[in-house]
Amino acid sequence: MKHRRIAHRQLPPADAHNGAPGANSLCVVRDDAVPDWVKRRVLLLNATYEPLTALPARRAVVLMAGGKADTVHEDPLGPLVRSAEWAVQIPWVIRLRSFVHVPYHARVPMTRAALMHRDRNRCAYCGAKAETIDHVVPRSRGGEHSWENCVACCASCNHRKADKLLSELGWTLRAALVPPKGRHWRLLATLPELHPTWLPYLGEGAA
């Protein structure tokens, strides 16, 4: 297999770690792995295994190279990254060695990704695969854009419902509409796709 050295821009000083071997001179050593290296996200856990964020892979590797984080879930087929004295394959999940305090915000922002996770990517009316979002009470009739009035919806139900009320159609919801709760939901709100190794750390809403 052909190998070549690929240059990356130097990280900001805030990411550097005193004594880390080659943390700012990492390179990918498999040509066919470059797309994964560019696009991949790595789940970062607190020392308590609480999910914090999904890091760019390069930043995750710098944390590991600096001795600040350890691999929790490896990826044997992942891109190989190395410096002159250090090498690692990009993992799927890493964990900080030291606990960091993160302020807790109770209200989870409603995004398309979070709503789809809450409704498990299923239409709230018929249970088919959801493709869009619907306002239960249409906005044209005073409905709000909120957790309590938005659902995942298939294209067929969305088209049939249009601007009608459920009572006018004789439809019912498959589940009560409640805002999700929990720290991990703020992370789910930003992630439309999840790797299977992340699911045990993201609670029932990620399934």
Protein backbone atom coordinates (compact mmCIF):
# COMPACT_ATOMS: atom_id res chain seq x y z
CA MET A 1 0.00 0.00 0.00
CA LYS A 2 1.32 3.42 -0.95
CA HIS A 3 2.09 5.78 1.92
CA ARG A 4 2.59 9.50 1.95
CA ARG A 5 2.99 12.15 4.60
CA ILE A 6 0.13 14.64 4.87
CA ALA A 7 0.72 18.00 6.50
CA HIS A 8 -1.85 19.44 8.91
CA ARG A 9 -2.02 23.00 10.19
CA GLN A 10 -0.66 23.56 13.67
CA LEU A 11 -3.21 23.50 16.49
CA PRO A 12 -3.81 26.61 18.64
CA PRO A 13 -1.61 26.84 21.75
CA ALA A 14 -4.60 25.97 23.96
CA ASP A 15 -4.52 22.43 22.64
CA ALA A 16 -0.83 21.92 23.24
CA HIS A 17 0.43 19.90 26.19
CA ASN A 18 3.87 20.31 27.71
CA GLY A 19 5.95 17.27 27.00
CA ALA A 20 3.48 15.66 24.60
CA PRO A 21 5.46 13.82 21.91
CA GLY A 22 4.72 15.41 18.58
CA ALA A 23 1.18 16.53 19.50
CA ASN A 24 1.31 19.30 16.88
CA SER A 25 2.86 17.25 14.09
CA LEU A 26 0.39 14.39 13.70
CA CYS A 27 -0.04 12.84 10.29
CA VAL A 28 -2.21 10.25 8.57
CA VAL A 29 -0.28 7.34 7.13
CA ARG A 30 -2.92 5.62 4.99
CA ASP A 31 -4.05 7.41 1.86
CA ASP A 32 -7.40 5.61 1.80
CA ALA A 33 -8.10 6.74 5.40
CA VAL A 34 -7.96 10.48 4.71
CA PRO A 35 -11.77 10.91 4.27
CA ASP A 36 -12.42 9.27 7.66
CA TRP A 37 -9.81 11.44 9.30
CA VAL A 38 -11.37 14.61 7.94
CA LYS A 39 -15.01 13.76 8.70
CA ARG A 40 -14.91 11.62 11.82
CA ARG A 41 -16.14 12.70 15.24
CA VAL A 42 -15.07 11.06 18.49
CA LEU A 43 -17.32 10.95 21.55
CA LEU A 44 -15.65 12.57 24.55
CA LEU A 45 -16.67 11.34 28.01
CA ASN A 46 -16.00 13.01 31.32
CA ALA A 47 -14.00 11.05 33.90
CA THR A 48 -17.39 9.90 35.24
CA TYR A 49 -18.34 8.50 31.79
CA GLU A 50 -20.85 11.31 31.25
CA PRO A 51 -20.93 12.34 27.56
CA LEU A 52 -19.56 15.83 26.99
CA THR A 53 -19.28 16.44 23.26
CA ALA A 54 -18.35 14.97 19.88
CA LEU A 55 -14.83 16.12 19.10
CA PRO A 56 -13.12 16.41 15.73
CA ALA A 57 -10.82 13.40 15.50
CA ARG A 58 -7.65 15.49 15.43
CA ARG A 59 -8.51 17.23 18.70
CA ALA A 60 -9.29 13.86 20.29
CA VAL A 61 -5.88 12.52 19.28
CA VAL A 62 -4.12 15.57 20.74
CA LEU A 63 -5.87 14.95 24.08
CA MET A 64 -4.65 11.36 24.03
CA ALA A 65 -1.13 12.30 22.96
CA GLY A 66 -0.99 14.81 25.81
CA GLY A 67 -2.01 12.24 28.40
CA LYS A 68 -5.35 13.93 29.09
CA ALA A 69 -7.65 11.21 27.74
CA ASP A 70 -7.70 7.45 27.17
CA THR A 71 -9.40 5.27 24.58
CA VAL A 72 -12.65 3.64 25.71
CA HIS A 73 -13.75 2.11 22.40
CA GLU A 74 -11.12 1.37 19.79
CA ASP A 75 -11.60 1.13 16.05
CA PRO A 76 -9.18 -1.52 14.74
CA LEU A 77 -9.91 -0.40 11.18
CA GLY A 78 -9.61 3.31 11.94
CA PRO A 79 -7.08 5.66 10.36
CA LEU A 80 -3.59 5.42 11.85
CA VAL A 81 -2.18 8.70 13.13
CA ARG A 82 1.39 9.16 14.32
CA SER A 83 4.16 11.55 15.23
CA ALA A 84 7.86 10.75 15.29
CA GLU A 85 7.52 8.95 18.65
CA TRP A 86 3.84 8.10 19.00
CA ALA A 87 1.09 6.38 17.03
CA VAL A 88 -2.60 5.61 17.55
CA GLN A 89 -5.61 4.54 15.53
CA ILE A 90 -8.53 6.95 15.70
CA PRO A 91 -10.94 5.61 18.37
CA TRP A 92 -14.72 6.00 18.56
CA VAL A 93 -14.94 6.96 22.24
CA ILE A 94 -12.39 8.52 24.61
CA ARG A 95 -12.55 9.47 28.30
CA LEU A 96 -10.89 12.32 30.18
CA ARG A 97 -8.54 11.29 32.95
CA SER A 98 -9.59 14.26 35.11
CA PHE A 99 -13.15 15.38 35.86
CA VAL A 100 -14.27 18.71 34.39
CA HIS A 101 -17.29 20.62 35.67
CA VAL A 102 -19.84 21.54 33.02
CA PRO A 103 -22.71 23.95 33.83
CA TYR A 104 -26.10 22.26 33.56
CA HIS A 105 -28.85 23.84 31.46
CA ALA A 106 -32.21 22.20 32.08
CA ARG A 107 -34.00 23.26 28.90
CA VAL A 108 -32.80 21.31 25.88
CA PRO A 109 -32.82 23.30 22.62
CA MET A 110 -35.22 21.83 20.08
CA THR A 111 -33.38 20.95 16.91
CA ARG A 112 -34.32 18.62 14.09
CA ALA A 113 -31.75 16.09 15.28
CA ALA A 114 -33.00 16.16 18.88
CA LEU A 115 -36.64 15.86 17.83
CA MET A 116 -35.87 12.88 15.61
CA HIS A 117 -34.01 11.23 18.50
CA ARG A 118 -36.92 11.86 20.87
CA ASP A 119 -39.42 10.31 18.46
CA ARG A 120 -36.96 7.55 17.50
CA ASN A 121 -37.12 8.54 13.83
CA ARG A 122 -40.70 7.31 13.60
CA CYS A 123 -43.80 9.18 12.48
CA ALA A 124 -45.81 10.31 15.51
CA TYR A 125 -49.04 9.52 13.64
CA CYS A 126 -48.53 6.21 11.84
CA GLY A 127 -45.19 4.85 13.04
CA ALA A 128 -43.53 4.80 9.62
CA LYS A 129 -40.00 6.11 9.10
CA ALA A 130 -39.95 9.85 9.75
CA GLU A 131 -38.66 12.15 7.04
CA THR A 132 -39.77 15.58 8.21
CA ILE A 133 -41.14 17.59 11.15
CA ASP A 134 -44.78 18.55 11.65
CA HIS A 135 -46.53 21.05 13.92
CA VAL A 136 -49.41 19.21 15.60
CA VAL A 137 -51.36 22.45 15.80
CA PRO A 138 -50.35 24.15 12.53
CA ARG A 139 -48.52 27.44 12.89
CA SER A 140 -51.14 29.01 10.60
CA ARG A 141 -53.65 28.20 13.37
CA GLY A 142 -51.61 29.46 16.28
CA GLY A 143 -49.39 26.46 16.97
CA GLU A 144 -45.97 27.06 18.53
CA HIS A 145 -42.60 25.76 17.41
CA SER A 146 -41.89 23.85 20.60
CA TRP A 147 -41.26 20.40 22.04
CA GLU A 148 -44.93 20.22 23.04
CA ASN A 149 -46.22 20.91 19.52
CA CYS A 150 -43.67 19.37 17.13
CA VAL A 151 -43.29 15.75 16.06
CA ALA A 152 -41.33 13.63 13.65
CA CYS A 153 -43.52 12.81 10.67
CA CYS A 154 -43.47 10.77 7.47
CA ALA A 155 -44.00 12.54 4.16
CA SER A 156 -47.36 10.85 3.56
CA CYS A 157 -48.88 11.92 6.89
CA ASN A 158 -47.42 15.39 6.53
CA HIS A 159 -49.07 15.79 3.15
CA ARG A 160 -52.44 14.41 4.31
CA LYS A 161 -52.51 16.47 7.49
CA ALA A 162 -51.58 19.79 5.85
CA ASP A 163 -53.02 22.58 8.05
CA LYS A 164 -55.72 20.49 9.73
CA LEU A 165 -56.13 19.70 13.42
CA LEU A 166 -55.94 16.11 14.64
CA SER A 167 -59.55 16.31 15.79
CA GLU A 168 -60.60 17.17 12.25
CA LEU A 169 -58.85 14.06 10.93
CA GLY A 170 -59.71 11.70 13.75
CA TRP A 171 -55.98 11.08 14.35
CA THR A 172 -54.22 10.54 17.65
CA LEU A 173 -50.59 10.79 18.70
CA ARG A 174 -48.64 7.63 19.43
CA ALA A 175 -46.97 9.20 22.49
CA ALA A 176 -47.22 12.26 24.73
CA LEU A 177 -45.16 15.23 23.61
CA VAL A 178 -42.74 16.17 26.38
CA PRO A 179 -39.39 17.98 26.32
CA PRO A 180 -36.49 15.55 26.86
CA LYS A 181 -34.45 15.89 30.04
CA GLY A 182 -30.85 15.06 30.84
CA ARG A 183 -27.39 16.41 30.10
CA HIS A 184 -26.86 14.02 27.19
CA TRP A 185 -29.78 15.56 25.29
CA ARG A 186 -27.83 18.75 24.66
CA LEU A 187 -25.32 16.58 22.81
CA LEU A 188 -28.02 14.66 20.94
CA ALA A 189 -29.43 17.97 19.74
CA THR A 190 -26.29 18.47 17.63
CA LEU A 191 -25.85 14.92 16.29
CA PRO A 192 -28.12 13.67 13.49
CA GLU A 193 -26.14 10.41 13.24
CA LEU A 194 -24.68 8.32 16.06
CA HIS A 195 -22.09 5.57 16.01
CA PRO A 196 -23.31 2.37 17.73
CA THR A 197 -20.47 2.52 20.27
CA TRP A 198 -21.85 5.85 21.54
CA LEU A 199 -25.34 4.61 22.37
CA PRO A 200 -24.67 3.17 25.87
CA TYR A 201 -23.51 6.63 27.00
CA LEU A 202 -26.33 8.64 25.47
CA GLY A 203 -29.35 7.11 27.20
CA GLU A 204 -32.64 5.85 25.84
CA GLY A 205 -33.16 8.88 23.61
CA ALA A 206 -30.27 7.79 21.39
CA ALA A 207 -31.67 4.35 20.60
